[in-house]
N, C-alpha and C. Protein backbone atom coordinates (compact mmCIF):
# COMPACT_ATOMS: atom_id res chain seq x y z
N UNK A 1 0.86 -1.19 0.00
CA UNK A 1 0.00 0.00 0.00
C UNK A 1 0.89 1.24 0.00
N UNK A 2 0.69 2.15 -0.92
CA UNK A 2 1.49 3.35 -0.97
C UNK A 2 0.93 4.40 -0.03
N UNK A 3 1.78 5.37 0.33
CA UNK A 3 1.36 6.46 1.19
C UNK A 3 0.25 7.26 0.52
N UNK A 4 0.33 7.43 -0.80
CA UNK A 4 -0.65 8.23 -1.51
C UNK A 4 -2.01 7.52 -1.55
N UNK A 5 -2.01 6.20 -1.65
CA UNK A 5 -3.27 5.44 -1.62
C UNK A 5 -3.93 5.58 -0.26
N UNK A 6 -3.10 5.54 0.80
CA UNK A 6 -3.64 5.65 2.16
C UNK A 6 -4.31 7.01 2.36
N UNK A 7 -3.66 8.06 1.90
CA UNK A 7 -4.24 9.40 2.04
C UNK A 7 -5.53 9.49 1.25
N UNK A 8 -5.55 8.93 0.06
CA UNK A 8 -6.74 8.99 -0.79
C UNK A 8 -7.91 8.31 -0.11
N UNK A 9 -7.63 7.20 0.63
CA UNK A 9 -8.70 6.46 1.28
C UNK A 9 -9.17 7.13 2.56
N UNK A 10 -8.29 7.90 3.24
CA UNK A 10 -8.63 8.40 4.56
C UNK A 10 -8.95 9.89 4.58
N UNK A 11 -8.03 10.73 4.20
CA UNK A 11 -8.25 12.17 4.32
C UNK A 11 -7.46 12.89 3.25
N UNK A 12 -8.12 13.40 2.25
CA UNK A 12 -7.45 14.03 1.13
C UNK A 12 -6.78 15.34 1.53
N UNK A 13 -7.08 15.87 2.71
CA UNK A 13 -6.51 17.14 3.12
C UNK A 13 -5.13 16.96 3.74
N UNK A 14 -4.78 15.76 4.15
CA UNK A 14 -3.47 15.52 4.74
C UNK A 14 -2.43 15.35 3.64
N UNK A 15 -1.24 15.85 3.90
CA UNK A 15 -0.14 15.64 2.96
C UNK A 15 0.36 14.21 3.09
N UNK A 16 0.70 13.56 1.99
CA UNK A 16 1.17 12.17 2.07
C UNK A 16 2.33 11.98 3.03
N UNK A 17 3.26 12.96 3.06
CA UNK A 17 4.43 12.80 3.91
C UNK A 17 4.10 12.92 5.39
N UNK A 18 2.87 13.36 5.71
CA UNK A 18 2.48 13.51 7.12
C UNK A 18 2.04 12.19 7.73
N UNK A 19 1.88 11.16 6.93
CA UNK A 19 1.44 9.86 7.42
C UNK A 19 2.61 8.87 7.36
N UNK A 20 3.00 8.34 8.50
CA UNK A 20 4.07 7.35 8.56
C UNK A 20 3.48 5.95 8.43
N UNK A 21 4.05 5.14 7.56
CA UNK A 21 3.55 3.80 7.30
C UNK A 21 4.58 2.78 7.78
N UNK A 22 4.14 1.88 8.66
CA UNK A 22 5.03 0.85 9.21
C UNK A 22 4.37 -0.53 9.03
N UNK A 23 4.51 -1.13 7.86
CA UNK A 23 3.92 -2.46 7.67
C UNK A 23 4.67 -3.51 8.50
N UNK A 24 3.95 -4.55 8.87
CA UNK A 24 4.55 -5.66 9.62
C UNK A 24 4.99 -6.76 8.66
N UNK A 25 6.12 -7.38 8.96
CA UNK A 25 6.65 -8.49 8.17
C UNK A 25 7.15 -9.57 9.12
N UNK A 26 7.20 -10.80 8.60
CA UNK A 26 7.71 -11.93 9.38
C UNK A 26 8.96 -12.46 8.70
N UNK A 27 10.14 -12.26 9.28
CA UNK A 27 11.37 -12.72 8.64
C UNK A 27 11.73 -14.16 9.02
N UNK A 28 12.24 -14.90 8.03
CA UNK A 28 12.84 -16.21 8.27
C UNK A 28 14.26 -16.11 7.72
N UNK A 29 15.21 -16.02 8.64
CA UNK A 29 16.59 -15.70 8.25
C UNK A 29 17.45 -16.96 8.20
N UNK A 30 18.16 -17.15 7.06
CA UNK A 30 19.19 -18.18 6.99
C UNK A 30 20.45 -17.59 7.60
N UNK A 31 20.81 -18.03 8.81
CA UNK A 31 21.81 -17.29 9.58
C UNK A 31 23.26 -17.47 9.11
N UNK A 32 23.82 -18.67 9.30
CA UNK A 32 25.24 -18.87 9.00
C UNK A 32 25.43 -20.13 8.18
N UNK A 33 26.55 -20.22 7.50
CA UNK A 33 26.85 -21.40 6.70
C UNK A 33 26.88 -22.66 7.57
N UNK A 34 27.40 -22.52 8.81
CA UNK A 34 27.50 -23.68 9.69
C UNK A 34 26.14 -24.26 10.02
N UNK A 35 25.12 -23.40 10.10
CA UNK A 35 23.79 -23.87 10.47
C UNK A 35 23.00 -24.37 9.27
N UNK A 36 23.56 -24.18 8.06
CA UNK A 36 22.78 -24.53 6.88
C UNK A 36 23.01 -25.97 6.43
N UNK A 37 23.88 -26.73 7.13
CA UNK A 37 24.16 -28.12 6.76
C UNK A 37 24.58 -28.24 5.29
N UNK A 38 25.51 -27.35 4.90
CA UNK A 38 26.06 -27.35 3.54
C UNK A 38 25.03 -26.99 2.48
N UNK A 39 23.91 -26.45 2.86
CA UNK A 39 22.92 -25.99 1.90
C UNK A 39 23.00 -24.47 1.79
N UNK A 40 22.58 -23.89 0.66
CA UNK A 40 22.55 -22.43 0.56
C UNK A 40 21.69 -21.83 1.67
N UNK A 41 22.06 -20.64 2.10
CA UNK A 41 21.34 -20.03 3.21
C UNK A 41 19.86 -19.85 2.90
N UNK A 42 19.53 -19.51 1.65
CA UNK A 42 18.13 -19.30 1.31
C UNK A 42 17.35 -20.60 1.43
N UNK A 43 17.98 -21.72 1.06
CA UNK A 43 17.32 -23.02 1.21
C UNK A 43 17.05 -23.29 2.69
N UNK A 44 18.03 -23.00 3.53
CA UNK A 44 17.86 -23.21 4.95
C UNK A 44 16.72 -22.35 5.49
N UNK A 45 16.64 -21.10 5.04
CA UNK A 45 15.57 -20.21 5.50
C UNK A 45 14.21 -20.73 5.06
N UNK A 46 14.14 -21.26 3.83
CA UNK A 46 12.87 -21.82 3.34
C UNK A 46 12.46 -23.04 4.16
N UNK A 47 13.44 -23.86 4.55
CA UNK A 47 13.13 -25.03 5.37
C UNK A 47 12.60 -24.60 6.74
N UNK A 48 13.18 -23.54 7.27
CA UNK A 48 12.72 -23.01 8.55
C UNK A 48 11.27 -22.53 8.44
N UNK A 49 10.97 -21.82 7.36
CA UNK A 49 9.61 -21.34 7.13
C UNK A 49 8.64 -22.51 6.96
N UNK A 50 9.06 -23.52 6.19
CA UNK A 50 8.19 -24.67 5.94
C UNK A 50 7.89 -25.42 7.24
N UNK A 51 8.91 -25.58 8.09
CA UNK A 51 8.71 -26.26 9.38
C UNK A 51 7.73 -25.47 10.24
N UNK A 52 7.89 -24.17 10.26
CA UNK A 52 6.97 -23.31 11.02
C UNK A 52 5.54 -23.49 10.54
N UNK A 53 5.37 -23.47 9.21
CA UNK A 53 4.01 -23.54 8.64
C UNK A 53 3.37 -24.91 8.84
N UNK A 54 4.19 -25.96 8.96
CA UNK A 54 3.65 -27.30 9.20
C UNK A 54 3.03 -27.42 10.58
N UNK A 55 3.46 -26.58 11.50
CA UNK A 55 3.00 -26.68 12.88
C UNK A 55 1.67 -25.97 13.14
N UNK A 56 1.23 -25.18 12.19
CA UNK A 56 0.04 -24.36 12.47
C UNK A 56 -1.24 -25.18 12.36
N UNK A 57 -2.25 -24.74 13.08
CA UNK A 57 -3.57 -25.37 13.09
C UNK A 57 -4.58 -24.40 12.51
N UNK A 58 -5.26 -24.75 11.41
CA UNK A 58 -6.25 -23.83 10.83
C UNK A 58 -7.32 -23.37 11.81
N UNK A 59 -7.71 -24.25 12.71
CA UNK A 59 -8.74 -23.87 13.69
C UNK A 59 -8.22 -22.78 14.62
N UNK A 60 -6.94 -22.91 15.02
CA UNK A 60 -6.35 -21.87 15.86
C UNK A 60 -6.32 -20.54 15.12
N UNK A 61 -6.04 -20.61 13.80
CA UNK A 61 -6.05 -19.40 13.00
C UNK A 61 -7.43 -18.78 12.94
N UNK A 62 -8.46 -19.61 12.82
CA UNK A 62 -9.83 -19.09 12.76
C UNK A 62 -10.27 -18.52 14.11
N UNK A 63 -9.77 -19.09 15.20
CA UNK A 63 -10.07 -18.53 16.51
C UNK A 63 -9.51 -17.10 16.60
N UNK A 64 -8.27 -16.93 16.13
CA UNK A 64 -7.66 -15.60 16.14
C UNK A 64 -8.39 -14.67 15.19
N UNK A 65 -8.74 -15.18 14.00
CA UNK A 65 -9.49 -14.39 13.03
C UNK A 65 -10.82 -13.93 13.62
N UNK A 66 -11.51 -14.83 14.32
CA UNK A 66 -12.79 -14.48 14.94
C UNK A 66 -12.61 -13.36 15.96
N UNK A 67 -11.52 -13.45 16.72
CA UNK A 67 -11.24 -12.42 17.73
C UNK A 67 -10.97 -11.08 17.07
N UNK A 68 -10.14 -11.09 16.02
CA UNK A 68 -9.79 -9.83 15.34
C UNK A 68 -10.98 -9.21 14.60
N UNK A 69 -11.88 -10.06 14.11
CA UNK A 69 -13.01 -9.56 13.33
C UNK A 69 -14.27 -9.34 14.16
N UNK A 70 -14.24 -9.78 15.42
CA UNK A 70 -15.43 -9.72 16.28
C UNK A 70 -16.60 -10.43 15.61
N UNK A 71 -16.29 -11.63 15.09
CA UNK A 71 -17.31 -12.43 14.41
C UNK A 71 -16.96 -13.90 14.62
N UNK A 72 -17.96 -14.71 14.90
CA UNK A 72 -17.73 -16.14 15.16
C UNK A 72 -17.74 -16.92 13.84
N UNK A 73 -16.56 -17.22 13.32
CA UNK A 73 -16.47 -17.94 12.05
C UNK A 73 -16.75 -19.44 12.18
N UNK A 74 -16.93 -19.93 13.41
CA UNK A 74 -17.23 -21.34 13.59
C UNK A 74 -18.61 -21.70 13.05
N UNK A 75 -19.44 -20.69 12.83
CA UNK A 75 -20.79 -20.95 12.33
C UNK A 75 -20.82 -21.07 10.80
N UNK A 76 -19.67 -20.89 10.14
CA UNK A 76 -19.60 -20.99 8.69
C UNK A 76 -18.93 -22.30 8.28
N UNK A 77 -19.27 -22.86 7.11
CA UNK A 77 -18.65 -24.11 6.65
C UNK A 77 -17.17 -23.93 6.36
N UNK A 78 -16.36 -24.88 6.84
CA UNK A 78 -14.91 -24.77 6.71
C UNK A 78 -14.42 -24.93 5.27
N UNK A 79 -15.07 -25.78 4.51
CA UNK A 79 -14.54 -26.14 3.20
C UNK A 79 -15.29 -25.47 2.05
N UNK A 80 -15.77 -24.27 2.31
CA UNK A 80 -16.38 -23.45 1.28
C UNK A 80 -15.69 -22.09 1.27
N UNK A 81 -15.81 -21.35 0.16
CA UNK A 81 -15.20 -20.01 0.11
C UNK A 81 -15.68 -19.12 1.25
N UNK A 82 -14.87 -18.16 1.59
CA UNK A 82 -15.23 -17.24 2.67
C UNK A 82 -16.41 -16.37 2.24
N UNK A 83 -17.40 -16.27 3.11
CA UNK A 83 -18.58 -15.47 2.81
C UNK A 83 -18.36 -14.02 3.24
N UNK A 84 -18.94 -13.10 2.49
CA UNK A 84 -18.83 -11.68 2.83
C UNK A 84 -19.86 -11.36 3.91
N UNK A 85 -19.43 -11.48 5.13
CA UNK A 85 -20.32 -11.22 6.27
C UNK A 85 -19.96 -9.87 6.88
N UNK A 86 -20.83 -9.38 7.72
CA UNK A 86 -20.61 -8.11 8.40
C UNK A 86 -19.76 -8.35 9.64
N UNK A 87 -18.55 -7.83 9.65
CA UNK A 87 -17.66 -8.00 10.80
C UNK A 87 -17.56 -6.68 11.54
N UNK A 88 -17.27 -6.79 12.83
CA UNK A 88 -17.17 -5.58 13.63
C UNK A 88 -15.74 -5.21 13.98
N UNK A 89 -14.78 -6.02 13.51
CA UNK A 89 -13.39 -5.77 13.86
C UNK A 89 -12.60 -5.09 12.75
N UNK A 90 -11.45 -5.68 12.42
CA UNK A 90 -10.52 -5.08 11.46
C UNK A 90 -11.00 -5.39 10.05
N UNK A 91 -11.75 -4.49 9.49
CA UNK A 91 -12.38 -4.73 8.18
C UNK A 91 -11.34 -4.91 7.08
N UNK A 92 -10.23 -4.18 7.16
CA UNK A 92 -9.21 -4.28 6.12
C UNK A 92 -8.64 -5.68 6.01
N UNK A 93 -8.38 -6.34 7.14
CA UNK A 93 -7.86 -7.70 7.11
C UNK A 93 -8.89 -8.67 6.55
N UNK A 94 -10.15 -8.43 6.90
CA UNK A 94 -11.20 -9.32 6.38
C UNK A 94 -11.35 -9.16 4.88
N UNK A 95 -11.23 -7.93 4.38
CA UNK A 95 -11.30 -7.70 2.94
C UNK A 95 -10.15 -8.41 2.22
N UNK A 96 -8.97 -8.44 2.86
CA UNK A 96 -7.84 -9.17 2.29
C UNK A 96 -8.15 -10.66 2.22
N UNK A 97 -8.72 -11.20 3.30
CA UNK A 97 -9.10 -12.62 3.31
C UNK A 97 -10.13 -12.92 2.21
N UNK A 98 -11.08 -12.02 2.02
CA UNK A 98 -12.08 -12.20 0.97
C UNK A 98 -11.43 -12.21 -0.42
N UNK A 99 -10.50 -11.28 -0.64
CA UNK A 99 -9.83 -11.21 -1.95
C UNK A 99 -9.04 -12.48 -2.21
N UNK A 100 -8.34 -12.97 -1.19
CA UNK A 100 -7.57 -14.20 -1.35
C UNK A 100 -8.48 -15.38 -1.66
N UNK A 101 -9.61 -15.44 -0.96
CA UNK A 101 -10.55 -16.54 -1.17
C UNK A 101 -11.13 -16.50 -2.58
N UNK A 102 -11.50 -15.32 -3.04
CA UNK A 102 -12.12 -15.19 -4.36
C UNK A 102 -11.10 -15.37 -5.49
N UNK A 103 -9.92 -14.80 -5.31
CA UNK A 103 -8.92 -14.82 -6.38
C UNK A 103 -8.25 -16.18 -6.52
N UNK A 104 -7.97 -16.83 -5.39
CA UNK A 104 -7.20 -18.07 -5.41
C UNK A 104 -8.05 -19.29 -5.08
N UNK A 105 -9.35 -19.10 -4.93
CA UNK A 105 -10.22 -20.23 -4.64
C UNK A 105 -9.99 -20.87 -3.28
N UNK A 106 -9.64 -20.06 -2.29
CA UNK A 106 -9.34 -20.59 -0.97
C UNK A 106 -10.61 -20.75 -0.14
N UNK A 107 -10.64 -21.81 0.66
CA UNK A 107 -11.77 -22.03 1.56
C UNK A 107 -11.51 -21.33 2.89
N UNK A 108 -12.51 -21.34 3.75
CA UNK A 108 -12.34 -20.78 5.08
C UNK A 108 -11.24 -21.51 5.84
N UNK A 109 -11.14 -22.82 5.63
CA UNK A 109 -10.07 -23.60 6.28
C UNK A 109 -8.70 -23.12 5.81
N UNK A 110 -8.57 -22.87 4.50
CA UNK A 110 -7.31 -22.36 3.95
C UNK A 110 -6.95 -21.01 4.56
N UNK A 111 -7.94 -20.14 4.68
CA UNK A 111 -7.70 -18.83 5.27
C UNK A 111 -7.29 -18.98 6.73
N UNK A 112 -7.91 -19.93 7.43
CA UNK A 112 -7.53 -20.19 8.81
C UNK A 112 -6.07 -20.60 8.93
N UNK A 113 -5.62 -21.43 7.99
CA UNK A 113 -4.21 -21.85 8.00
C UNK A 113 -3.29 -20.66 7.73
N UNK A 114 -3.63 -19.86 6.73
CA UNK A 114 -2.82 -18.68 6.42
C UNK A 114 -2.78 -17.71 7.60
N UNK A 115 -3.92 -17.57 8.26
CA UNK A 115 -3.98 -16.67 9.40
C UNK A 115 -3.12 -17.19 10.55
N UNK A 116 -3.11 -18.50 10.72
CA UNK A 116 -2.28 -19.09 11.76
C UNK A 116 -0.80 -18.97 11.43
N UNK A 117 -0.47 -18.93 10.14
CA UNK A 117 0.93 -18.81 9.73
C UNK A 117 1.48 -17.41 9.97
N UNK A 118 0.61 -16.43 10.17
CA UNK A 118 1.14 -15.10 10.40
C UNK A 118 0.18 -13.97 10.16
N UNK A 119 -1.11 -14.19 10.42
CA UNK A 119 -2.14 -13.14 10.32
C UNK A 119 -2.08 -12.46 8.96
N UNK A 120 -1.81 -13.22 7.91
CA UNK A 120 -1.78 -12.75 6.53
C UNK A 120 -0.66 -11.74 6.28
N UNK A 121 0.33 -11.70 7.18
CA UNK A 121 1.48 -10.82 6.97
C UNK A 121 2.45 -11.44 5.97
N UNK A 122 3.18 -10.63 5.20
CA UNK A 122 4.17 -11.18 4.27
C UNK A 122 5.34 -11.82 5.00
N UNK A 123 5.81 -12.95 4.48
CA UNK A 123 7.00 -13.61 5.00
C UNK A 123 8.20 -13.19 4.15
N UNK A 124 9.26 -12.75 4.81
CA UNK A 124 10.52 -12.45 4.13
C UNK A 124 11.47 -13.60 4.40
N UNK A 125 11.83 -14.33 3.35
CA UNK A 125 12.59 -15.57 3.51
C UNK A 125 13.90 -15.45 2.74
N UNK A 126 15.02 -15.68 3.43
CA UNK A 126 16.29 -15.64 2.71
C UNK A 126 17.47 -15.35 3.61
N UNK A 127 18.57 -14.99 2.99
CA UNK A 127 19.78 -14.63 3.73
C UNK A 127 19.60 -13.23 4.30
N UNK A 128 20.47 -12.84 5.23
CA UNK A 128 20.38 -11.46 5.74
C UNK A 128 20.45 -10.43 4.61
N UNK A 129 21.28 -10.67 3.61
CA UNK A 129 21.39 -9.74 2.49
C UNK A 129 20.10 -9.68 1.69
N UNK A 130 19.50 -10.84 1.44
CA UNK A 130 18.26 -10.88 0.65
C UNK A 130 17.11 -10.20 1.39
N UNK A 131 17.03 -10.40 2.69
CA UNK A 131 15.97 -9.76 3.47
C UNK A 131 16.20 -8.25 3.52
N UNK A 132 17.45 -7.84 3.70
CA UNK A 132 17.76 -6.41 3.68
C UNK A 132 17.42 -5.80 2.32
N UNK A 133 17.66 -6.55 1.25
CA UNK A 133 17.32 -6.06 -0.10
C UNK A 133 15.83 -5.76 -0.21
N UNK A 134 14.99 -6.67 0.31
CA UNK A 134 13.54 -6.49 0.22
C UNK A 134 13.08 -5.29 1.04
N UNK A 135 13.64 -5.14 2.24
CA UNK A 135 13.27 -4.01 3.09
C UNK A 135 13.73 -2.70 2.46
N UNK A 136 14.94 -2.69 1.93
CA UNK A 136 15.47 -1.47 1.31
C UNK A 136 14.64 -1.06 0.10
N UNK A 137 14.27 -2.03 -0.73
CA UNK A 137 13.48 -1.72 -1.92
C UNK A 137 12.13 -1.10 -1.53
N UNK A 138 11.47 -1.70 -0.55
CA UNK A 138 10.17 -1.18 -0.12
C UNK A 138 10.32 0.21 0.48
N UNK A 139 11.37 0.43 1.24
CA UNK A 139 11.61 1.73 1.88
C UNK A 139 11.92 2.80 0.83
N UNK A 140 12.80 2.50 -0.10
CA UNK A 140 13.21 3.50 -1.09
C UNK A 140 12.12 3.75 -2.12
N UNK A 141 11.21 2.81 -2.31
CA UNK A 141 10.08 3.02 -3.23
C UNK A 141 8.96 3.83 -2.60
N UNK A 142 9.11 4.19 -1.33
CA UNK A 142 8.09 4.97 -0.65
C UNK A 142 6.92 4.16 -0.15
N UNK A 143 7.08 2.83 -0.13
CA UNK A 143 6.00 1.97 0.35
C UNK A 143 5.95 1.92 1.87
N UNK A 144 7.06 2.27 2.53
CA UNK A 144 7.12 2.17 3.99
C UNK A 144 8.13 3.17 4.53
N UNK A 145 7.85 3.65 5.75
CA UNK A 145 8.79 4.52 6.45
C UNK A 145 9.60 3.73 7.47
N UNK A 146 9.23 2.51 7.69
CA UNK A 146 9.89 1.62 8.63
C UNK A 146 9.10 0.33 8.66
N UNK A 147 9.49 -0.58 9.52
CA UNK A 147 8.83 -1.89 9.54
C UNK A 147 8.63 -2.37 10.97
N UNK A 148 7.54 -3.09 11.17
CA UNK A 148 7.30 -3.80 12.43
C UNK A 148 7.72 -5.25 12.21
N UNK A 149 8.68 -5.70 12.97
CA UNK A 149 9.17 -7.07 12.82
C UNK A 149 8.33 -7.98 13.72
N UNK A 150 7.60 -8.88 13.09
CA UNK A 150 6.76 -9.83 13.82
C UNK A 150 7.48 -11.18 13.87
N UNK A 151 7.60 -11.73 15.05
CA UNK A 151 8.37 -12.97 15.22
C UNK A 151 7.51 -14.20 14.97
N UNK A 152 8.03 -15.11 14.15
CA UNK A 152 7.35 -16.39 13.93
C UNK A 152 7.54 -17.32 15.12
N UNK A 153 8.62 -17.12 15.86
CA UNK A 153 8.91 -17.93 17.04
C UNK A 153 9.77 -17.07 17.97
N UNK A 154 9.67 -17.36 19.25
CA UNK A 154 10.35 -16.55 20.26
C UNK A 154 11.29 -17.38 21.12
N UNK A 155 12.43 -16.78 21.54
CA UNK A 155 12.90 -15.43 21.19
C UNK A 155 13.78 -15.42 19.94
N UNK A 156 13.98 -16.61 19.33
CA UNK A 156 14.96 -16.75 18.27
C UNK A 156 14.79 -15.82 17.08
N UNK A 157 13.56 -15.58 16.64
CA UNK A 157 13.35 -14.77 15.44
C UNK A 157 13.86 -13.35 15.63
N UNK A 158 13.60 -12.76 16.80
CA UNK A 158 14.10 -11.42 17.08
C UNK A 158 15.63 -11.42 17.17
N UNK A 159 16.17 -12.41 17.85
CA UNK A 159 17.62 -12.49 18.03
C UNK A 159 18.33 -12.63 16.70
N UNK A 160 17.79 -13.46 15.80
CA UNK A 160 18.40 -13.66 14.49
C UNK A 160 18.34 -12.39 13.65
N UNK A 161 17.21 -11.69 13.72
CA UNK A 161 17.08 -10.47 12.94
C UNK A 161 18.08 -9.42 13.43
N UNK A 162 18.19 -9.27 14.73
CA UNK A 162 19.11 -8.28 15.30
C UNK A 162 20.57 -8.66 15.00
N UNK A 163 20.89 -9.93 15.10
CA UNK A 163 22.28 -10.36 14.92
C UNK A 163 22.73 -10.36 13.47
N UNK A 164 21.82 -10.70 12.54
CA UNK A 164 22.24 -10.89 11.16
C UNK A 164 21.72 -9.84 10.17
N UNK A 165 20.49 -9.39 10.35
CA UNK A 165 19.91 -8.45 9.37
C UNK A 165 20.23 -7.00 9.73
N UNK A 166 20.13 -6.65 11.00
CA UNK A 166 20.37 -5.27 11.41
C UNK A 166 21.76 -4.79 11.00
N UNK A 167 22.84 -5.56 11.22
CA UNK A 167 24.16 -5.08 10.77
C UNK A 167 24.22 -4.80 9.27
N UNK A 168 23.51 -5.59 8.47
CA UNK A 168 23.49 -5.35 7.02
C UNK A 168 22.75 -4.06 6.71
N UNK A 169 21.66 -3.78 7.42
CA UNK A 169 20.94 -2.53 7.24
C UNK A 169 21.79 -1.34 7.69
N UNK A 170 22.53 -1.52 8.78
CA UNK A 170 23.41 -0.46 9.25
C UNK A 170 24.53 -0.20 8.25
N UNK A 171 25.06 -1.24 7.65
CA UNK A 171 26.13 -1.08 6.65
C UNK A 171 25.65 -0.24 5.47
N UNK A 172 24.36 -0.35 5.16
CA UNK A 172 23.78 0.40 4.04
C UNK A 172 23.30 1.78 4.45
N UNK A 173 23.45 2.12 5.73
CA UNK A 173 23.00 3.42 6.20
C UNK A 173 21.50 3.51 6.37
N UNK A 174 20.82 2.36 6.54
CA UNK A 174 19.37 2.33 6.63
C UNK A 174 18.87 2.13 8.06
N UNK A 175 19.77 1.91 8.99
CA UNK A 175 19.36 1.69 10.38
C UNK A 175 20.36 2.37 11.29
N UNK A 176 19.86 3.03 12.32
CA UNK A 176 20.71 3.77 13.25
C UNK A 176 21.68 2.85 13.98
N UNK A 177 22.80 3.41 14.39
CA UNK A 177 23.76 2.67 15.21
C UNK A 177 23.65 3.07 16.68
N UNK A 178 22.97 4.16 16.94
CA UNK A 178 22.68 4.56 18.31
C UNK A 178 21.47 5.49 18.31
N UNK A 179 20.80 5.59 19.44
CA UNK A 179 19.63 6.44 19.56
C UNK A 179 20.06 7.88 19.84
N UNK A 180 19.41 8.83 19.19
CA UNK A 180 19.72 10.24 19.38
C UNK A 180 18.63 10.97 20.14
N UNK A 181 17.46 10.36 20.28
CA UNK A 181 16.36 10.98 21.00
C UNK A 181 16.06 10.26 22.30
N UNK A 182 15.04 10.74 23.00
CA UNK A 182 14.69 10.16 24.29
C UNK A 182 13.32 9.49 24.30
N UNK A 183 12.51 9.76 23.29
CA UNK A 183 11.16 9.21 23.26
C UNK A 183 10.96 8.37 22.00
N UNK A 184 9.90 7.55 22.00
CA UNK A 184 9.57 6.76 20.82
C UNK A 184 9.28 7.68 19.63
N UNK A 185 8.62 8.81 19.89
CA UNK A 185 8.34 9.77 18.83
C UNK A 185 9.64 10.27 18.21
N UNK A 186 10.66 10.50 19.04
CA UNK A 186 11.97 10.92 18.52
C UNK A 186 12.56 9.83 17.64
N UNK A 187 12.47 8.58 18.10
CA UNK A 187 13.07 7.47 17.36
C UNK A 187 12.39 7.28 16.00
N UNK A 188 11.08 7.52 15.95
CA UNK A 188 10.33 7.31 14.71
C UNK A 188 10.37 8.54 13.80
N UNK A 189 10.96 9.64 14.30
CA UNK A 189 11.12 10.86 13.49
C UNK A 189 9.78 11.38 12.98
N UNK A 190 8.77 11.37 13.85
CA UNK A 190 7.44 11.82 13.44
C UNK A 190 7.11 13.22 13.94
N UNK A 191 8.09 13.93 14.53
CA UNK A 191 7.85 15.29 14.95
C UNK A 191 7.15 15.39 16.30
N UNK A 192 6.94 16.61 16.73
CA UNK A 192 6.34 16.85 18.04
C UNK A 192 4.82 16.62 18.00
N UNK A 193 4.31 16.20 19.13
CA UNK A 193 2.87 15.98 19.23
C UNK A 193 2.14 17.31 19.31
N UNK A 194 0.94 17.34 18.78
CA UNK A 194 0.12 18.55 18.83
C UNK A 194 -1.33 18.17 19.04
N UNK A 195 -2.01 18.92 19.90
CA UNK A 195 -3.43 18.70 20.13
C UNK A 195 -4.29 19.57 19.21
N UNK A 196 -3.62 20.39 18.40
CA UNK A 196 -4.34 21.27 17.47
C UNK A 196 -4.60 20.54 16.17
N UNK A 197 -5.87 20.40 15.77
CA UNK A 197 -6.16 19.70 14.52
C UNK A 197 -5.62 20.50 13.33
N UNK A 198 -5.20 19.81 12.27
CA UNK A 198 -4.69 20.51 11.09
C UNK A 198 -5.79 21.35 10.44
N UNK A 199 -5.35 22.44 9.85
CA UNK A 199 -6.29 23.32 9.15
C UNK A 199 -6.61 22.70 7.79
N UNK A 200 -7.88 22.49 7.54
CA UNK A 200 -8.28 21.89 6.27
C UNK A 200 -8.63 22.98 5.25
N UNK A 201 -8.15 22.78 4.05
CA UNK A 201 -8.42 23.71 2.98
C UNK A 201 -9.82 23.48 2.44
N UNK A 202 -10.50 24.55 2.04
CA UNK A 202 -11.86 24.38 1.47
C UNK A 202 -11.81 23.63 0.15
N UNK A 203 -12.84 22.84 -0.09
CA UNK A 203 -12.95 22.12 -1.35
C UNK A 203 -13.10 23.12 -2.50
N UNK A 204 -12.41 22.87 -3.64
CA UNK A 204 -12.57 23.77 -4.78
C UNK A 204 -14.01 23.77 -5.29
N UNK A 205 -14.48 24.93 -5.68
CA UNK A 205 -15.83 25.07 -6.18
C UNK A 205 -15.82 24.95 -7.69
N UNK A 206 -16.62 24.05 -8.23
CA UNK A 206 -16.66 23.86 -9.67
C UNK A 206 -17.35 25.02 -10.37
N UNK A 207 -16.99 25.18 -11.60
CA UNK A 207 -17.59 26.26 -12.40
C UNK A 207 -18.91 25.79 -13.00
């Protein structure tokens, strides 16, 4: 999702640069040659992802989906396409599930499995360099101002990202080497807080 699309959907009076976008991703890092059992690091990372995905339970995913959507999906048939029902929770995630079901012919059970694998978040799979490449491309294309790293397993996923991916991002000048501010707002470079609402420009009057 681009910053300009977000502004178009929410408030046309806000400048695109005034909205910070931090998409969440789930990294699977191929750490070191020693851990890869003589296989390429990307192959090792894919095996790690595959093992993770084998452990998920579609029903557990649907329980989480029901919680996020404020709707009981247990009342719908598991092996049929997802129905467009009225949900009270995160509508954007449900619309994504609907699109996946319609486009790829996925059943509710399939969506439950995908949700259990990572709440429909993108998986970044590869070597530290390959994962840094994907993050850098998204950042430089204006698709994101930063990223929320979601762990597939704890505490290893965070430790691997910090040990192997962060140094590569720092080498490229894309990640700080020390903190210069004192607050989270300082770290995210989003400016000072204000309780004054922005001044909205009047809509142009047609001729």
